[in-house]
Protein backbone atom coordinates (compact mmCIF):
# COMPACT_ATOMS: atom_id res chain seq x y z
CA MET A 1 -9.30 17.49 -1.51
CA PRO A 2 -6.64 17.71 1.02
CA LYS A 3 -4.08 19.93 -0.85
CA TRP A 4 -1.16 17.98 1.11
CA LEU A 5 -2.34 15.12 -0.94
CA GLU A 6 -0.87 16.87 -4.22
CA ASN A 7 2.64 16.50 -3.26
CA ALA A 8 2.36 13.54 -1.19
CA VAL A 9 5.05 10.87 -1.33
CA PHE A 10 3.95 7.87 1.02
CA TYR A 11 7.17 5.54 2.87
CA GLU A 12 5.07 2.70 3.94
CA ILE A 13 6.53 0.91 7.16
CA TYR A 14 5.80 -2.42 8.59
CA PRO A 15 6.56 -1.21 12.69
CA GLN A 16 7.32 -4.78 13.99
CA SER A 17 10.65 -4.46 11.14
CA PHE A 18 11.62 -1.06 10.78
CA TYR A 19 13.93 0.16 14.12
CA ASP A 20 14.07 -1.61 17.08
CA THR A 21 15.43 0.65 19.85
CA ASN A 22 14.49 -1.60 23.26
CA GLY A 23 16.55 -4.27 21.93
CA ASP A 24 13.59 -6.62 21.70
CA GLY A 25 14.05 -7.89 18.65
CA ILE A 26 10.93 -6.16 17.48
CA GLY A 27 10.72 -2.56 15.58
CA ASP A 28 8.73 0.04 17.64
CA LEU A 29 7.42 3.21 17.04
CA GLU A 30 10.13 4.92 19.09
CA GLY A 31 12.29 3.84 16.45
CA ILE A 32 10.44 5.32 13.70
CA THR A 33 10.48 8.84 15.29
CA ARG A 34 14.48 8.37 15.24
CA LYS A 35 14.42 7.56 11.62
CA LEU A 36 11.69 10.58 10.52
CA LYS A 37 14.95 12.85 9.19
CA PHE A 38 16.16 9.23 6.77
CA ILE A 39 12.11 9.08 5.69
CA LYS A 40 12.37 13.32 5.18
CA ASP A 41 15.54 12.95 3.39
CA LEU A 42 14.94 10.54 1.21
CA GLY A 43 12.12 12.53 -0.44
CA CYS A 44 9.05 10.96 1.66
CA ASN A 45 6.84 13.30 3.37
CA ALA A 46 3.86 10.86 4.41
CA LEU A 47 3.73 7.79 6.43
CA TRP A 48 1.48 4.67 5.97
CA ILE A 49 1.86 2.60 9.05
CA ASN A 50 0.96 -0.78 8.72
CA PRO A 51 -1.34 -1.91 12.36
CA CYS A 52 -0.13 -1.09 15.49
CA PHE A 53 -2.70 -1.51 18.02
CA ASP A 54 -3.62 -3.78 20.69
CA SER A 55 -3.57 -7.38 18.51
CA PRO A 56 -3.01 -11.06 19.68
CA PHE A 57 -1.24 -11.12 16.20
CA ARG A 58 -2.22 -13.87 14.36
CA ASP A 59 -2.46 -11.94 10.98
CA ALA A 60 0.52 -9.47 12.24
CA GLY A 61 -1.78 -6.74 13.56
CA TYR A 62 -4.92 -6.93 11.23
CA ASP A 63 -6.60 -9.39 14.15
CA VAL A 64 -7.45 -6.31 16.31
CA ARG A 65 -8.16 -6.83 20.17
CA ASP A 66 -8.31 -2.84 20.79
CA TYR A 67 -8.80 -0.27 18.12
CA LYS A 68 -7.95 2.67 20.96
CA LYS A 69 -5.07 1.40 22.09
CA VAL A 70 -1.05 0.72 21.07
CA ALA A 71 0.06 -3.14 20.84
CA PRO A 72 2.71 -2.83 23.55
CA ARG A 73 5.28 -4.52 21.70
CA TYR A 74 5.17 -1.27 19.79
CA GLY A 75 5.11 1.11 22.76
CA THR A 76 2.36 3.20 24.08
CA ASN A 77 -0.37 5.59 22.97
CA ASP A 78 1.63 8.48 24.39
CA ASP A 79 4.55 7.16 21.96
CA LEU A 80 2.33 7.52 18.92
CA LYS A 81 1.00 10.68 19.44
CA ARG A 82 4.60 12.03 20.22
CA LEU A 83 5.48 10.00 16.66
CA PHE A 84 2.61 12.94 15.38
CA THR A 85 4.14 15.44 16.81
CA GLU A 86 7.75 14.41 15.65
CA ALA A 87 6.67 13.90 12.13
CA HIS A 88 4.77 17.04 11.51
CA LYS A 89 7.75 18.95 13.02
CA GLU A 90 9.42 17.40 9.71
CA GLY A 91 6.42 18.43 7.33
CA ILE A 92 5.16 14.15 7.19
CA LYS A 93 1.86 13.38 7.53
CA VAL A 94 1.08 10.03 9.29
CA LEU A 95 -1.98 7.52 7.70
CA LEU A 96 -2.41 4.73 10.37
CA ASP A 97 -4.04 1.50 8.79
CA LEU A 98 -7.65 0.83 9.64
CA VAL A 99 -9.15 -2.52 9.84
CA PRO A 100 -13.09 -1.64 9.41
CA GLY A 101 -14.44 -5.36 7.87
CA HIS A 102 -13.32 -7.75 11.09
CA THR A 103 -11.86 -7.90 14.86
CA SER A 104 -9.75 -10.26 16.21
CA GLU A 105 -11.76 -13.11 17.92
CA GLU A 106 -10.63 -11.45 21.18
CA HIS A 107 -12.11 -8.00 21.13
CA PRO A 108 -14.15 -7.28 23.57
CA TRP A 109 -17.06 -7.04 21.09
CA PHE A 110 -16.63 -10.17 20.07
CA ARG A 111 -16.58 -11.63 23.45
CA GLU A 112 -20.40 -10.05 24.00
CA SER A 113 -21.50 -10.86 20.92
CA GLN A 114 -20.87 -14.70 21.22
CA LYS A 115 -22.60 -14.98 24.13
CA SER A 116 -26.14 -16.69 24.54
CA GLU A 117 -27.72 -13.71 26.20
CA PRO A 118 -28.81 -10.56 23.84
CA ASN A 119 -26.85 -7.92 24.52
CA GLU A 120 -25.84 -4.56 22.42
CA TYR A 121 -22.92 -6.21 20.76
CA SER A 122 -24.87 -9.38 19.54
CA ASN A 123 -25.36 -8.20 15.96
CA ARG A 124 -22.25 -6.23 15.74
CA TYR A 125 -20.65 -9.15 14.13
CA ILE A 126 -22.78 -11.76 11.70
CA TRP A 127 -24.15 -14.59 13.26
CA THR A 128 -26.80 -17.40 11.14
CA ASP A 129 -30.31 -18.43 12.97
CA GLN A 130 -28.90 -21.85 13.51
CA TRP A 131 -25.60 -23.49 14.81
CA PHE A 132 -26.06 -26.63 12.30
CA LYS A 133 -27.04 -24.24 9.37
CA LYS A 134 -24.49 -23.52 6.65
CA ALA A 135 -23.97 -19.61 5.96
CA GLU A 136 -23.78 -20.74 1.65
CA GLY A 137 -21.43 -18.96 0.33
CA PHE A 138 -19.70 -17.37 3.08
CA GLY A 139 -16.50 -18.39 5.19
CA TYR A 140 -17.86 -19.00 8.73
CA VAL A 141 -17.14 -20.95 11.70
CA ALA A 142 -19.09 -22.95 13.61
CA GLY A 143 -18.94 -24.99 17.40
CA GLU A 144 -16.66 -21.97 18.94
CA ALA A 145 -19.46 -19.97 20.25
CA GLU A 146 -21.63 -19.97 23.38
CA ARG A 147 -25.27 -18.96 21.05
CA GLU A 148 -26.67 -21.33 19.16
CA SER A 149 -25.05 -19.55 15.80
CA VAL A 150 -22.48 -19.68 13.12
CA TYR A 151 -20.76 -16.37 13.14
CA LEU A 152 -18.54 -15.59 9.34
CA ILE A 153 -15.69 -14.59 8.94
CA ASN A 154 -13.92 -11.85 6.69
CA PHE A 155 -10.44 -13.35 6.50
CA PHE A 156 -8.61 -15.73 8.50
CA LYS A 157 -10.46 -18.08 11.21
CA CYS A 158 -9.17 -15.14 13.52
CA GLN A 159 -11.34 -12.54 12.23
CA PRO A 160 -14.64 -12.87 12.89
CA ALA A 161 -16.33 -9.87 10.29
CA LEU A 162 -18.46 -6.85 11.39
CA ASN A 163 -22.28 -6.69 10.87
CA TYR A 164 -22.40 -3.29 8.55
CA GLY A 165 -25.63 -5.39 6.91
CA PHE A 166 -26.27 -7.06 3.50
CA PHE A 167 -27.42 -5.26 0.41
CA LYS A 168 -29.03 -7.98 -0.81
CA VAL A 169 -31.23 -9.84 1.83
CA ALA A 170 -31.86 -13.65 1.25
CA GLU A 171 -32.07 -15.21 4.67
CA PRO A 172 -33.48 -14.07 8.01
CA TRP A 173 -30.48 -14.17 9.67
CA GLN A 174 -29.31 -11.03 7.57
CA LEU A 175 -29.78 -7.23 8.50
CA PRO A 176 -30.34 -4.45 5.72
CA THR A 177 -27.80 -1.65 5.60
CA ASP A 178 -29.87 0.68 7.42
CA HIS A 179 -30.98 -1.76 10.38
CA PRO A 180 -30.35 0.20 13.78
CA GLU A 181 -27.62 -2.28 14.58
CA CYS A 182 -25.87 -2.13 11.69
CA VAL A 183 -25.66 1.65 11.56
CA ALA A 184 -24.30 1.16 15.06
CA THR A 185 -21.00 -0.48 13.63
CA LEU A 186 -20.61 2.23 11.14
CA GLU A 187 -20.63 4.84 14.02
CA ALA A 188 -18.24 2.63 16.29
CA MET A 189 -15.80 2.84 13.44
CA LYS A 190 -16.48 6.44 12.83
CA ASP A 191 -16.16 7.06 16.56
CA VAL A 192 -12.03 5.08 15.94
CA MET A 193 -11.53 7.10 13.47
CA ARG A 194 -12.13 10.37 15.15
CA PHE A 195 -10.17 9.04 18.26
CA TRP A 196 -6.82 8.75 16.22
CA LEU A 197 -7.62 11.79 14.14
CA ASP A 198 -7.79 14.03 17.11
CA ALA A 199 -4.63 12.50 18.64
CA GLY A 200 -3.25 13.93 15.40
CA CYS A 201 -3.33 11.30 13.14
CA ASP A 202 -3.71 12.50 9.28
CA GLY A 203 -6.19 9.57 7.71
CA PHE A 204 -6.05 5.97 7.20
CA ARG A 205 -5.39 3.50 4.67
CA VAL A 206 -8.35 1.38 4.89
CA ASP A 207 -7.33 -2.73 4.73
CA MET A 208 -10.16 -4.58 2.58
CA ALA A 209 -12.44 -1.48 1.66
CA ALA A 210 -14.69 -3.42 -0.27
CA SER A 211 -15.36 -6.18 2.37
CA LEU A 212 -17.87 -4.50 4.43
CA VAL A 213 -21.58 -4.88 2.77
CA LYS A 214 -21.96 -8.63 2.43
CA ASN A 215 -24.24 -9.62 -0.68
CA ASP A 216 -23.20 -6.25 -2.53
CA ASP A 217 -23.55 -5.74 -6.39
CA GLU A 218 -21.31 -5.63 -8.79
CA GLN A 219 -20.79 -1.84 -8.02
CA LYS A 220 -20.34 -2.08 -4.52
CA THR A 221 -23.45 0.25 -4.03
CA GLY A 222 -24.06 -0.91 -0.43
CA THR A 223 -20.26 -0.81 0.57
CA SER A 224 -19.98 2.76 -1.71
CA ALA A 225 -22.95 4.20 1.10
CA LEU A 226 -21.14 3.47 3.79
CA TRP A 227 -18.43 5.64 2.94
CA ARG A 228 -19.85 8.19 1.09
CA ASN A 229 -21.24 8.57 4.41
CA VAL A 230 -17.63 8.59 6.48
CA ARG A 231 -16.13 10.86 4.11
CA ALA A 232 -19.32 13.56 4.63
CA MET A 233 -17.95 13.08 8.47
CA LEU A 234 -14.20 13.66 7.46
CA ASP A 235 -15.02 16.89 4.92
CA ARG A 236 -17.55 18.48 7.73
CA ASP A 237 -15.32 17.86 10.48
CA TYR A 238 -11.49 16.88 9.67
CA PRO A 239 -11.12 18.45 5.93
CA GLU A 240 -7.85 17.60 5.67
CA ALA A 241 -7.68 14.25 6.64
CA VAL A 242 -7.20 11.30 3.78
CA LEU A 243 -9.02 8.37 2.86
CA VAL A 244 -6.81 5.45 1.13
CA ALA A 245 -8.52 2.61 -0.28
CA GLU A 246 -7.15 -0.86 -0.31
CA TRP A 247 -10.13 -1.65 -2.70
CA GLY A 248 -8.03 -1.84 -5.88
CA HIS A 249 -10.80 -0.63 -8.16
CA PRO A 250 -10.25 3.56 -8.05
CA ASP A 251 -13.22 3.41 -10.76
CA LEU A 252 -15.18 2.04 -7.85
CA SER A 253 -13.40 3.66 -4.46
CA VAL A 254 -12.90 7.16 -5.95
CA PRO A 255 -16.40 7.74 -6.45
CA ALA A 256 -17.30 6.16 -2.65
CA GLY A 257 -15.60 8.96 -1.03
CA PHE A 258 -12.01 7.89 -0.86
CA HIS A 259 -9.20 10.59 -2.16
CA ALA A 260 -6.89 7.38 -3.81
CA ASP A 261 -6.63 3.69 -3.97
CA PHE A 262 -4.20 1.10 -4.73
CA LEU A 263 -3.68 -0.61 -8.53
CA LEU A 264 -3.04 -3.76 -6.77
CA ASN A 265 -0.83 -7.51 -7.32
CA GLY A 266 -3.82 -10.10 -8.45
CA HIS A 267 -3.50 -12.10 -11.34
CA GLY A 268 -4.79 -10.37 -14.58
CA LYS A 269 -4.24 -7.17 -12.71
CA GLY A 270 -2.42 -4.37 -15.43
CA TYR A 271 -0.45 -3.29 -12.54
CA ARG A 272 1.39 -6.88 -12.09
CA SER A 273 2.45 -6.81 -15.71
CA LEU A 274 5.23 -3.87 -14.88
CA ALA A 275 7.32 -5.75 -12.27
CA ARG A 276 6.31 -9.08 -11.56
CA ASN A 277 4.90 -10.69 -14.52
CA TYR A 278 5.93 -14.42 -13.75
CA THR A 279 4.76 -17.39 -12.54
CA LEU A 280 6.10 -19.02 -9.38
CA ASP A 281 6.50 -22.31 -8.06
CA PHE A 282 6.12 -23.89 -4.73
CA ARG A 283 9.37 -23.08 -3.84
CA HIS A 284 8.71 -19.45 -5.17
CA THR A 285 10.71 -20.29 -7.83
CA ILE A 286 9.71 -18.45 -11.34
CA VAL A 287 9.19 -20.97 -13.69
CA GLY A 288 8.89 -20.25 -17.67
CA GLU A 289 9.72 -16.67 -18.51
CA ASP A 290 9.21 -13.40 -17.28
CA ARG A 291 7.38 -11.12 -19.01
CA SER A 292 7.44 -7.70 -16.59
CA PHE A 293 7.77 -4.68 -18.68
CA PHE A 294 10.55 -3.14 -16.45
CA LYS A 295 12.89 -6.39 -17.27
CA LYS A 296 15.72 -5.75 -19.53
CA ASP A 297 15.00 -8.87 -21.82
CA GLY A 298 12.39 -6.73 -23.38
CA LYS A 299 9.21 -9.40 -23.22
CA GLY A 300 6.93 -6.95 -21.68
CA ASP A 301 4.18 -5.00 -23.13
CA ILE A 302 3.10 -1.79 -21.50
CA MET A 303 -0.62 -2.06 -23.12
CA ALA A 304 -1.13 -4.81 -20.58
CA PHE A 305 -1.10 -1.45 -17.88
CA LEU A 306 -1.91 1.23 -20.09
CA ASP A 307 -5.57 -0.72 -20.93
CA GLY A 308 -6.87 -0.36 -17.60
CA TYR A 309 -5.26 2.05 -16.04
CA LEU A 310 -5.96 5.09 -18.02
CA LYS A 311 -9.56 3.85 -18.09
CA GLN A 312 -9.23 4.20 -14.04
CA TYR A 313 -7.24 7.25 -14.64
CA GLU A 314 -10.12 9.00 -16.29
CA ILE A 315 -12.73 8.13 -14.20
CA CYS A 316 -10.47 9.13 -10.98
CA LYS A 317 -9.86 12.47 -12.73
CA GLU A 318 -13.41 12.90 -13.12
CA ASN A 319 -14.25 12.59 -9.20
CA GLY A 320 -11.50 13.95 -8.08
CA GLY A 321 -9.55 11.37 -7.01
CA TYR A 322 -5.92 9.51 -7.36
CA ILE A 323 -4.66 5.95 -8.47
CA ALA A 324 -1.61 5.00 -5.64
CA LEU A 325 1.29 2.99 -7.72
CA ILE A 326 3.50 1.26 -5.45
CA SER A 327 6.66 -0.05 -5.27
CA CYS A 328 5.69 -3.09 -3.16
CA ASN A 329 3.65 -3.51 -0.17
CA HIS A 330 3.60 -6.00 2.78
CA ASP A 331 1.63 -8.27 0.67
CA THR A 332 3.67 -8.99 -2.32
CA ILE A 333 6.74 -9.85 -3.51
CA ARG A 334 10.03 -7.35 -3.36
CA PRO A 335 10.55 -5.70 -6.82
CA ALA A 336 14.13 -6.92 -6.19
CA PHE A 337 13.20 -10.57 -6.57
CA ASN A 338 13.60 -10.53 -10.28
CA LEU A 339 14.78 -6.51 -10.90
CA SER A 340 18.41 -5.89 -10.39
CA PRO A 341 19.38 -2.36 -9.52
CA ARG A 342 19.53 -0.62 -12.82
CA GLU A 343 16.04 -2.45 -13.85
CA LEU A 344 14.93 -1.03 -10.65
CA ALA A 345 15.87 2.57 -11.05
CA VAL A 346 14.04 2.67 -14.90
CA PHE A 347 10.68 1.30 -12.76
CA TYR A 348 11.30 3.85 -9.81
CA GLY A 349 11.47 6.31 -12.60
CA PHE A 350 8.41 5.67 -13.81
CA LEU A 351 6.73 4.99 -10.57
CA PHE A 352 7.80 8.49 -9.44
CA THR A 353 6.68 10.75 -12.68
CA MET A 354 3.58 9.37 -12.74
CA PRO A 355 0.37 11.11 -11.68
CA GLY A 356 -1.25 10.50 -8.67
CA THR A 357 0.21 9.27 -4.96
CA PRO A 358 3.28 6.73 -4.87
CA PHE A 359 3.87 4.47 -2.27
CA LEU A 360 7.49 3.25 -1.54
CA TYR A 361 7.52 -0.02 0.93
CA TYR A 362 10.66 0.45 3.45
CA GLY A 363 13.89 -1.02 2.13
CA ASP A 364 12.79 -1.01 -1.78
CA GLU A 365 15.17 1.81 -1.96
CA ILE A 366 17.99 0.03 -1.34
CA GLY A 367 17.27 -2.63 -3.07
CA MET A 368 16.13 -5.16 -0.74
CA ARG A 369 16.06 -9.09 -1.26
CA TYR A 370 12.85 -11.25 -1.12
CA LEU A 371 14.05 -14.16 1.51
CA ASN A 372 12.60 -17.44 1.38
CA LEU A 373 11.26 -17.78 4.62
CA PRO A 374 8.90 -20.04 6.91
CA THR A 375 5.33 -18.34 7.29
CA LYS A 376 4.92 -15.88 10.68
CA GLU A 377 2.04 -14.42 12.05
CA GLY A 378 -0.24 -15.60 9.11
CA GLY A 379 2.61 -14.00 6.04
CA TYR A 380 2.97 -17.01 4.36
CA PHE A 381 4.46 -16.25 0.80
CA ARG A 382 4.27 -12.66 2.30
CA THR A 383 6.42 -13.41 5.39
CA GLY A 384 9.75 -13.16 2.86
CA SER A 385 9.14 -9.40 2.07
CA ARG A 386 8.58 -8.55 5.55
CA THR A 387 12.16 -8.74 7.13
CA PRO A 388 13.96 -6.08 9.31
CA MET A 389 15.25 -2.93 7.43
CA GLN A 390 18.85 -2.93 6.79
CA TRP A 391 20.38 0.19 8.04
CA LYS A 392 24.50 -0.74 8.58
CA ALA A 393 26.55 -3.73 8.22
CA GLY A 394 27.10 -5.21 11.26
CA LYS A 395 25.27 -7.24 14.10
CA ASN A 396 22.05 -7.71 12.92
CA LEU A 397 22.34 -5.21 10.08
CA GLY A 398 21.61 -2.43 12.52
CA PHE A 399 17.94 -3.02 13.00
CA SER A 400 18.19 -4.33 16.53
CA GLU A 401 20.79 -4.87 19.45
CA ALA A 402 18.71 -7.92 20.20
CA ALA A 403 20.47 -11.82 19.40
CA ALA A 404 19.94 -12.82 16.41
CA GLU A 405 17.29 -15.72 17.30
CA GLN A 406 15.00 -12.85 19.12
CA LEU A 407 14.22 -11.17 16.01
CA TYR A 408 11.04 -10.75 14.81
CA LEU A 409 12.69 -12.48 11.10
CA PRO A 410 15.89 -12.72 10.06
CA VAL A 411 18.13 -10.18 8.06
CA ASP A 412 19.68 -10.90 5.03
CA ALA A 413 22.87 -12.80 5.65
CA LEU A 414 24.28 -12.70 2.47
CA PRO A 415 27.73 -10.66 2.23
CA ASP A 416 26.14 -8.21 0.00
CA ALA A 417 22.54 -7.42 1.79
CA PRO A 418 22.10 -3.69 0.95
CA THR A 419 22.37 -1.11 3.68
CA VAL A 420 21.52 2.16 4.10
CA GLU A 421 24.84 3.37 5.06
CA ALA A 422 26.82 2.04 2.29
CA GLN A 423 24.51 3.38 -0.41
CA GLU A 424 24.44 6.68 1.13
CA LYS A 425 28.39 6.65 0.39
CA ASP A 426 27.99 5.98 -3.44
CA PRO A 427 26.62 8.85 -5.76
CA ALA A 428 25.50 6.13 -7.86
CA SER A 429 23.47 3.41 -5.51
CA LEU A 430 19.62 3.06 -5.80
CA LEU A 431 19.22 5.29 -2.74
CA ASN A 432 20.64 8.02 -4.25
CA THR A 433 18.95 7.56 -7.43
CA VAL A 434 15.59 7.47 -5.51
CA LYS A 435 16.69 10.43 -3.64
CA ALA A 436 17.28 12.34 -6.95
CA LEU A 437 14.20 11.20 -8.48
CA LEU A 438 11.77 12.34 -5.55
CA LYS A 439 14.06 15.50 -5.72
CA LEU A 440 12.66 15.71 -8.97
CA ARG A 441 9.18 15.29 -8.45
CA HIS A 442 9.27 17.60 -6.01
CA GLU A 443 10.57 20.38 -7.39
CA ASN A 444 8.58 20.38 -10.93
CA ALA A 445 4.56 20.62 -9.85
CA ASP A 446 4.06 19.10 -13.26
CA LEU A 447 5.05 15.89 -11.75
CA GLY A 448 3.12 15.62 -8.30
CA ALA A 449 -0.57 13.92 -8.16
CA ARG A 450 -2.16 16.55 -10.73
CA SER A 451 -3.95 14.98 -13.45
CA ASN A 452 -2.12 16.20 -16.55
CA LEU A 453 -0.76 12.77 -18.11
CA GLU A 454 -0.98 12.22 -22.17
CA ILE A 455 0.76 9.20 -23.62
CA LEU A 456 2.87 10.57 -26.50
CA TYR A 457 4.34 6.99 -27.76
CA ALA A 458 2.60 3.07 -26.42
CA LYS A 459 2.78 0.29 -28.55
CA LYS A 460 2.07 -2.94 -27.85
CA GLU A 461 4.97 -5.18 -27.01
CA ALA A 462 7.55 -2.01 -28.21
CA PHE A 463 9.17 0.13 -26.55
CA PRO A 464 9.87 3.05 -25.15
CA LEU A 465 7.03 4.47 -23.32
CA ILE A 466 6.55 8.42 -23.59
CA TYR A 467 4.63 10.42 -21.98
CA ARG A 468 3.61 14.19 -21.34
CA ARG A 469 3.10 15.44 -17.93
CA GLY A 470 2.15 19.19 -18.11
CA SER A 471 4.93 21.07 -19.43
CA LEU A 472 7.54 17.59 -19.17
CA ILE A 473 8.14 15.06 -21.19
CA VAL A 474 8.90 11.63 -19.72
CA ALA A 475 10.82 8.52 -21.57
CA VAL A 476 11.35 5.45 -20.35
CA ASN A 477 13.29 2.14 -22.04
CA PRO A 478 13.55 -0.57 -19.61
CA ALA A 479 14.40 -3.22 -22.41
CA GLU A 480 18.00 -3.50 -22.67
CA ARG A 481 18.53 -2.70 -26.49
CA PRO A 482 18.33 1.11 -27.78
CA VAL A 483 14.99 2.48 -29.37
CA SER A 484 14.55 5.27 -31.36
CA VAL A 485 11.07 6.87 -32.34
CA ASP A 486 9.37 10.09 -33.74
CA ILE A 487 7.19 11.90 -31.38
CA SER A 488 7.26 15.22 -33.50
CA PRO A 489 6.01 17.90 -33.23
CA VAL A 490 6.83 17.58 -29.72
CA TYR A 491 10.15 19.49 -29.41
CA PRO A 492 11.31 19.17 -25.84
CA ALA A 493 14.26 21.96 -25.29
CA LYS A 494 16.26 21.16 -22.22
CA ASN A 495 17.11 17.65 -20.31
CA ILE A 496 16.51 17.86 -16.52
CA TYR A 497 17.02 14.49 -15.50
CA ALA A 498 18.28 11.36 -17.44
CA THR A 499 19.72 7.81 -16.25
CA GLY A 500 22.01 6.31 -19.11
CA ASN A 501 22.54 8.21 -22.57
CA CYS A 502 18.65 9.65 -24.24
CA ARG A 503 18.19 12.35 -25.94
CA PHE A 504 16.18 14.58 -28.09
CA GLU A 505 16.56 15.38 -31.85
CA LYS A 506 13.84 17.69 -32.96
CA GLY A 507 11.04 14.97 -32.57
CA LEU A 508 13.12 12.26 -32.30
CA CYS A 509 13.67 10.31 -29.40
CA LYS A 510 17.05 8.40 -29.39
CA MET A 511 17.27 6.05 -25.93
CA GLU A 512 20.24 3.58 -25.08
CA GLY A 513 18.92 0.01 -23.37
CA GLN A 514 17.45 0.30 -19.87
CA SER A 515 17.50 4.67 -19.91
CA PHE A 516 15.48 7.09 -18.45
CA GLY A 517 14.89 10.78 -18.77
CA VAL A 518 12.77 13.68 -18.26
CA TRP A 519 12.87 17.47 -20.64
CA LYS A 520 11.23 20.10 -20.30
CA ILE A 521 9.35 21.90 -22.91
């Protein structure tokens, strides 16, 4: 396990929306480099940068045309290398976004693979053996290639699936995972990883990490074997490099070789119950009750989260990996959509005092709002969480000097749009709350990634949540109503952080509504 991960707090940057330095309306790598001091002062010491590679951008860069070339709209390879160098000077690590399951249909590998004449790339992607035969159980595209076959896709139509083989071979055109041409696909992806690690990158967040081997079993045995192969390469040649999975099953991904995995926002997932336990109509309006745990209404249930989380946590603990909790990401509606600044402050108190590796999405530190926008580059509903960072009052809220109509996406047009500049001046702002919480985390090793969680009080449809992290007690009351619970014989001695009036009297924890506190035993 790379030691730096033990104290890592990640900041996710959607590069096209962070900071534009050349006035074309699109964020760029130089913009990230110029804002490294802001990121460091915030308390984040690691970055995850969404895909910045050459792409036709039909899926916002998740359709890669060249894995070894920075997209010109963001800059050059040298700009990215300079970002690595400058980030390291500030003590900040950088993860790139690796997309191993598919490429763009414009990738040179695919251009060769679709030719009728056999070549070294013919099986780099998954093709059936007949042009009129359906690929049952898979998404596929027919009628667009020179060869008389249909090809499988991994997400959108523009993203043909790379061929890592089939765990259960059921058709003549399906190759086993140990087939030389499937092995060649994995080696090609490892070559991409080595290219950027040698350039100064510190690891990868891996997109759709569970999607590689087709016809895999429920335990993802075939896909897991591939990632253990990758992890062996990293442990041998790049022992400080980190792999973070977009898998959503730490119980599978961590034993498969990942250092950390996200808990994701899908329906039925425990993470969803924390801040997004609502139903939306087609207008993106909440229908019915919002039963999120961090809503002040107090209708949430922490056990909806803990029942699954604790099982995942124990497996990660046994296998030496971490769970990554997120404020939001580029695929998720921003938490300010339904949570007020005070509700967000309590949510962030929880997020940054739990074990594992927390990820803060750009703009969530100031409570940027979700905007209801038309789709852009395959974003659909997600587009509203990908709007430009709001730095200061004035033109385009400080994101760009371009004309408003040239912006990648519009900025928040409301007069009370939150900005970094305004919140830096307000000691009670959400931004300064985040800074204080991250400072607290960094100053107390027991609040780091280490696996030292003990639940002291958590009951179905009840408040508060109280847990122990080594020598510290953390109490969280998102509800508007005051609460008082007995956790004796635990007697915290000193309060080291609090929002709202919360205190211990012997073993009795008394908390006013929407409060959060940390005590040292």
